[in-house]
């Protein structure tokens, strides 16, 4: 299984044939990440979209139709070990705040943190889906996990 990329260029108006092609593609592949950027070409604006996906077919994990990504296959052994520790930190943060784990951070965001190993709150805000509020509240614990230091809020050693 290997990562692949698919580029798409969508006009800004809704319900274009290009948008439907992108939606069909996303439904039929195991998507890892989607990056988008607004571009201007010949006085027209478009979304340039790059889809990162695995070359294996989508497997249904349950009745809801969500696909399951095996991060052990996707990440290096070192990154996967960090990803596992980050999941433990996320679980504790979720329990402490009375939230579901995905409200703290998704697995996709944790995988990006494990790959990038950001050492500042600002660096984490560059990861899609992690805004300033979420970063300020939860990222210090993730940084403590990455660096192997004590979390200033809880005193826990990661």
C-alpha atoms as a PDB file:
ATOM      1  CA  UNK A   1       0.000   0.000   0.000  1.00  0.00           C
ATOM      2  CA  UNK A   2       1.434   3.389  -0.949  1.00  0.00           C
ATOM      3  CA  UNK A   3       0.394   7.020  -0.852  1.00  0.00           C
ATOM      4  CA  UNK A   4      -0.715   8.648  -4.049  1.00  0.00           C
ATOM      5  CA  UNK A   5      -1.928  12.100  -5.001  1.00  0.00           C
ATOM      6  CA  UNK A   6      -4.748  13.309  -7.246  1.00  0.00           C
ATOM      7  CA  UNK A   7      -5.095  16.975  -8.280  1.00  0.00           C
ATOM      8  CA  UNK A   8      -8.455  18.637  -8.976  1.00  0.00           C
ATOM      9  CA  UNK A   9      -9.325  22.131 -10.198  1.00  0.00           C
ATOM     10  CA  UNK A  10     -12.844  23.275  -9.277  1.00  0.00           C
ATOM     11  CA  UNK A  11     -14.621  26.421 -10.426  1.00  0.00           C
ATOM     12  CA  UNK A  12     -16.142  28.432  -7.585  1.00  0.00           C
ATOM     13  CA  UNK A  13     -19.748  27.970  -8.677  1.00  0.00           C
ATOM     14  CA  UNK A  14     -21.557  25.083  -6.974  1.00  0.00           C
ATOM     15  CA  UNK A  15     -22.572  21.781  -8.528  1.00  0.00           C
ATOM     16  CA  UNK A  16     -20.077  21.741 -11.363  1.00  0.00           C
ATOM     17  CA  UNK A  17     -19.155  18.486 -13.145  1.00  0.00           C
ATOM     18  CA  UNK A  18     -15.659  18.829 -11.651  1.00  0.00           C
ATOM     19  CA  UNK A  19     -17.119  18.966  -8.147  1.00  0.00           C
ATOM     20  CA  UNK A  20     -19.124  15.801  -8.751  1.00  0.00           C
ATOM     21  CA  UNK A  21     -15.986  14.061 -10.082  1.00  0.00           C
ATOM     22  CA  UNK A  22     -14.092  15.048  -6.916  1.00  0.00           C
ATOM     23  CA  UNK A  23     -16.923  13.793  -4.692  1.00  0.00           C
ATOM     24  CA  UNK A  24     -17.056  10.448  -6.545  1.00  0.00           C
ATOM     25  CA  UNK A  25     -13.280  10.109  -6.200  1.00  0.00           C
ATOM     26  CA  UNK A  26     -13.350  10.848  -2.466  1.00  0.00           C
ATOM     27  CA  UNK A  27     -16.145   8.325  -1.863  1.00  0.00           C
ATOM     28  CA  UNK A  28     -14.256   5.586  -3.676  1.00  0.00           C
ATOM     29  CA  UNK A  29     -10.771   5.974  -2.149  1.00  0.00           C
ATOM     30  CA  UNK A  30      -9.132   5.848   1.259  1.00  0.00           C
ATOM     31  CA  UNK A  31      -8.431   9.545   1.760  1.00  0.00           C
ATOM     32  CA  UNK A  32      -5.573  10.583   4.012  1.00  0.00           C
ATOM     33  CA  UNK A  33      -5.620  14.336   3.532  1.00  0.00           C
ATOM     34  CA  UNK A  34      -7.148  17.012   1.334  1.00  0.00           C
ATOM     35  CA  UNK A  35      -5.377  20.309   0.735  1.00  0.00           C
ATOM     36  CA  UNK A  36      -6.994  23.232  -1.015  1.00  0.00           C
ATOM     37  CA  UNK A  37      -5.941  26.650  -2.183  1.00  0.00           C
ATOM     38  CA  UNK A  38      -7.763  29.434  -3.972  1.00  0.00           C
ATOM     39  CA  UNK A  39      -6.089  30.257  -7.314  1.00  0.00           C
ATOM     40  CA  UNK A  40      -6.786  32.788 -10.047  1.00  0.00           C
ATOM     41  CA  UNK A  41      -6.318  31.816 -13.680  1.00  0.00           C
ATOM     42  CA  UNK A  42      -7.289  33.994 -16.640  1.00  0.00           C
ATOM     43  CA  UNK A  43      -9.431  36.269 -14.420  1.00  0.00           C
ATOM     44  CA  UNK A  44     -11.353  33.279 -13.022  1.00  0.00           C
ATOM     45  CA  UNK A  45     -11.105  31.888  -9.520  1.00  0.00           C
ATOM     46  CA  UNK A  46     -10.824  28.177  -8.806  1.00  0.00           C
ATOM     47  CA  UNK A  47     -10.076  25.838  -5.937  1.00  0.00           C
ATOM     48  CA  UNK A  48      -6.884  23.874  -6.530  1.00  0.00           C
ATOM     49  CA  UNK A  49      -7.334  20.662  -4.551  1.00  0.00           C
ATOM     50  CA  UNK A  50      -4.734  17.978  -3.884  1.00  0.00           C
ATOM     51  CA  UNK A  51      -6.068  14.705  -2.501  1.00  0.00           C
ATOM     52  CA  UNK A  52      -3.630  12.379  -0.727  1.00  0.00           C
ATOM     53  CA  UNK A  53      -4.942   8.805  -0.743  1.00  0.00           C
ATOM     54  CA  UNK A  54      -3.938   5.171  -0.331  1.00  0.00           C
ATOM     55  CA  UNK A  55      -3.949   2.971  -3.407  1.00  0.00           C
ATOM     56  CA  UNK A  56      -6.128   0.327  -1.725  1.00  0.00           C
ATOM     57  CA  UNK A  57      -9.916   0.233  -2.081  1.00  0.00           C
ATOM     58  CA  UNK A  58     -12.178   1.614   0.635  1.00  0.00           C
ATOM     59  CA  UNK A  59     -13.165  -0.947   3.269  1.00  0.00           C
ATOM     60  CA  UNK A  60     -16.339  -0.334   5.197  1.00  0.00           C
ATOM     61  CA  UNK A  61     -15.593  -0.469   8.924  1.00  0.00           C
ATOM     62  CA  UNK A  62     -19.199  -0.337  10.124  1.00  0.00           C
ATOM     63  CA  UNK A  63     -22.762   0.468   9.119  1.00  0.00           C
ATOM     64  CA  UNK A  64     -22.098   4.222   9.041  1.00  0.00           C
ATOM     65  CA  UNK A  65     -19.994   3.821   5.908  1.00  0.00           C
ATOM     66  CA  UNK A  66     -16.832   5.334   7.388  1.00  0.00           C
ATOM     67  CA  UNK A  67     -13.564   3.939   6.094  1.00  0.00           C
ATOM     68  CA  UNK A  68     -10.892   2.817   8.534  1.00  0.00           C
ATOM     69  CA  UNK A  69      -7.320   3.966   8.067  1.00  0.00           C
ATOM     70  CA  UNK A  70      -4.514   1.824   9.451  1.00  0.00           C
ATOM     71  CA  UNK A  71      -2.056   4.409  10.750  1.00  0.00           C
ATOM     72  CA  UNK A  72       0.437   1.657  11.568  1.00  0.00           C
ATOM     73  CA  UNK A  73       0.832   1.109   7.812  1.00  0.00           C
ATOM     74  CA  UNK A  74       0.756   4.809   7.004  1.00  0.00           C
ATOM     75  CA  UNK A  75       3.270   6.093   9.581  1.00  0.00           C
ATOM     76  CA  UNK A  76       6.888   5.120  10.165  1.00  0.00           C
ATOM     77  CA  UNK A  77       7.446   2.915  13.258  1.00  0.00           C
ATOM     78  CA  UNK A  78       8.833   5.919  15.178  1.00  0.00           C
ATOM     79  CA  UNK A  79       5.923   8.152  14.160  1.00  0.00           C
ATOM     80  CA  UNK A  80       3.396   5.426  14.977  1.00  0.00           C
ATOM     81  CA  UNK A  81       4.858   5.028  18.492  1.00  0.00           C
ATOM     82  CA  UNK A  82       4.463   8.783  19.008  1.00  0.00           C
ATOM     83  CA  UNK A  83       0.960   8.641  17.471  1.00  0.00           C
ATOM     84  CA  UNK A  84      -0.004   5.985  20.054  1.00  0.00           C
ATOM     85  CA  UNK A  85       1.290   8.156  22.917  1.00  0.00           C
ATOM     86  CA  UNK A  86      -0.545  11.172  21.494  1.00  0.00           C
ATOM     87  CA  UNK A  87      -3.770   9.137  21.439  1.00  0.00           C
ATOM     88  CA  UNK A  88      -3.332   8.419  25.174  1.00  0.00           C
ATOM     89  CA  UNK A  89      -2.802  12.122  25.853  1.00  0.00           C
ATOM     90  CA  UNK A  90      -5.875  12.960  23.751  1.00  0.00           C
ATOM     91  CA  UNK A  91      -7.964  10.430  25.700  1.00  0.00           C
ATOM     92  CA  UNK A  92      -6.930  11.998  29.013  1.00  0.00           C
ATOM     93  CA  UNK A  93      -7.648  15.508  27.708  1.00  0.00           C
ATOM     94  CA  UNK A  94     -11.071  14.391  26.492  1.00  0.00           C
ATOM     95  CA  UNK A  95     -11.917  12.751  29.822  1.00  0.00           C
ATOM     96  CA  UNK A  96     -10.744  15.815  31.779  1.00  0.00           C
ATOM     97  CA  UNK A  97     -12.894  18.107  29.636  1.00  0.00           C
ATOM     98  CA  UNK A  98     -15.929  15.814  29.314  1.00  0.00           C
ATOM     99  CA  UNK A  99     -15.592  15.607  25.527  1.00  0.00           C
ATOM    100  CA  UNK A 100     -15.441  12.825  22.951  1.00  0.00           C
ATOM    101  CA  UNK A 101     -11.853  12.226  21.796  1.00  0.00           C
ATOM    102  CA  UNK A 102     -12.516  13.467  18.263  1.00  0.00           C
ATOM    103  CA  UNK A 103     -13.527  16.878  19.688  1.00  0.00           C
ATOM    104  CA  UNK A 104     -10.002  17.280  21.051  1.00  0.00           C
ATOM    105  CA  UNK A 105      -8.256  16.100  17.869  1.00  0.00           C
ATOM    106  CA  UNK A 106      -9.016  13.637  15.080  1.00  0.00           C
ATOM    107  CA  UNK A 107      -6.774  10.679  14.296  1.00  0.00           C
ATOM    108  CA  UNK A 108      -5.790  12.430  11.073  1.00  0.00           C
ATOM    109  CA  UNK A 109      -4.669  15.512  13.011  1.00  0.00           C
ATOM    110  CA  UNK A 110      -2.768  13.363  15.517  1.00  0.00           C
ATOM    111  CA  UNK A 111      -1.028  11.562  12.651  1.00  0.00           C
ATOM    112  CA  UNK A 112       0.059  14.937  11.241  1.00  0.00           C
ATOM    113  CA  UNK A 113       1.339  15.986  14.668  1.00  0.00           C
ATOM    114  CA  UNK A 114       3.264  12.707  14.899  1.00  0.00           C
ATOM    115  CA  UNK A 115       4.795  13.264  11.439  1.00  0.00           C
ATOM    116  CA  UNK A 116       5.583  16.961  11.810  1.00  0.00           C
ATOM    117  CA  UNK A 117       6.470  16.938  15.530  1.00  0.00           C
ATOM    118  CA  UNK A 118       5.646  20.638  15.995  1.00  0.00           C
ATOM    119  CA  UNK A 119       7.235  22.255  19.044  1.00  0.00           C
ATOM    120  CA  UNK A 120       5.073  25.393  19.222  1.00  0.00           C
ATOM    121  CA  UNK A 121       1.363  26.110  19.434  1.00  0.00           C
ATOM    122  CA  UNK A 122       1.664  28.275  16.306  1.00  0.00           C
ATOM    123  CA  UNK A 123       3.203  25.400  14.321  1.00  0.00           C
ATOM    124  CA  UNK A 124       0.236  23.195  15.245  1.00  0.00           C
ATOM    125  CA  UNK A 125      -2.264  25.741  13.940  1.00  0.00           C
ATOM    126  CA  UNK A 126      -0.869  25.083  10.446  1.00  0.00           C
ATOM    127  CA  UNK A 127      -2.375  21.582  10.628  1.00  0.00           C
ATOM    128  CA  UNK A 128      -5.824  21.572   9.034  1.00  0.00           C
ATOM    129  CA  UNK A 129      -8.605  21.582  11.614  1.00  0.00           C
ATOM    130  CA  UNK A 130      -6.522  22.864  14.516  1.00  0.00           C
ATOM    131  CA  UNK A 131      -7.534  26.434  15.198  1.00  0.00           C
ATOM    132  CA  UNK A 132      -6.052  28.872  17.675  1.00  0.00           C
ATOM    133  CA  UNK A 133      -8.533  28.009  20.446  1.00  0.00           C
ATOM    134  CA  UNK A 134      -8.041  24.268  20.182  1.00  0.00           C
ATOM    135  CA  UNK A 135      -4.290  24.740  19.885  1.00  0.00           C
ATOM    136  CA  UNK A 136      -4.008  26.903  22.997  1.00  0.00           C
ATOM    137  CA  UNK A 137      -6.145  24.520  25.032  1.00  0.00           C
ATOM    138  CA  UNK A 138      -4.762  21.107  23.991  1.00  0.00           C
ATOM    139  CA  UNK A 139      -1.487  21.469  22.075  1.00  0.00           C
ATOM    140  CA  UNK A 140       0.759  22.138  25.125  1.00  0.00           C
ATOM    141  CA  UNK A 141       0.023  18.584  26.302  1.00  0.00           C
ATOM    142  CA  UNK A 142       0.871  17.214  22.837  1.00  0.00           C
ATOM    143  CA  UNK A 143       4.134  19.202  22.756  1.00  0.00           C
ATOM    144  CA  UNK A 144       5.002  17.841  26.214  1.00  0.00           C
ATOM    145  CA  UNK A 145       4.403  14.340  24.830  1.00  0.00           C
ATOM    146  CA  UNK A 146       6.623  15.012  21.802  1.00  0.00           C
ATOM    147  CA  UNK A 147       9.471  16.419  23.899  1.00  0.00           C
ATOM    148  CA  UNK A 148       9.044  13.938  26.751  1.00  0.00           C
ATOM    149  CA  UNK A 149       8.625  16.716  29.307  1.00  0.00           C
ATOM    150  CA  UNK A 150       6.082  17.351  32.041  1.00  0.00           C
ATOM    151  CA  UNK A 151       2.745  18.881  31.125  1.00  0.00           C
ATOM    152  CA  UNK A 152       2.618  22.222  32.944  1.00  0.00           C
ATOM    153  CA  UNK A 153      -1.160  22.001  33.561  1.00  0.00           C
ATOM    154  CA  UNK A 154      -1.372  18.472  34.928  1.00  0.00           C
ATOM    155  CA  UNK A 155       2.163  17.695  36.025  1.00  0.00           C
ATOM    156  CA  UNK A 156       1.969  14.416  34.115  1.00  0.00           C
ATOM    157  CA  UNK A 157       5.140  13.077  32.526  1.00  0.00           C
ATOM    158  CA  UNK A 158       4.665  11.881  28.953  1.00  0.00           C
END
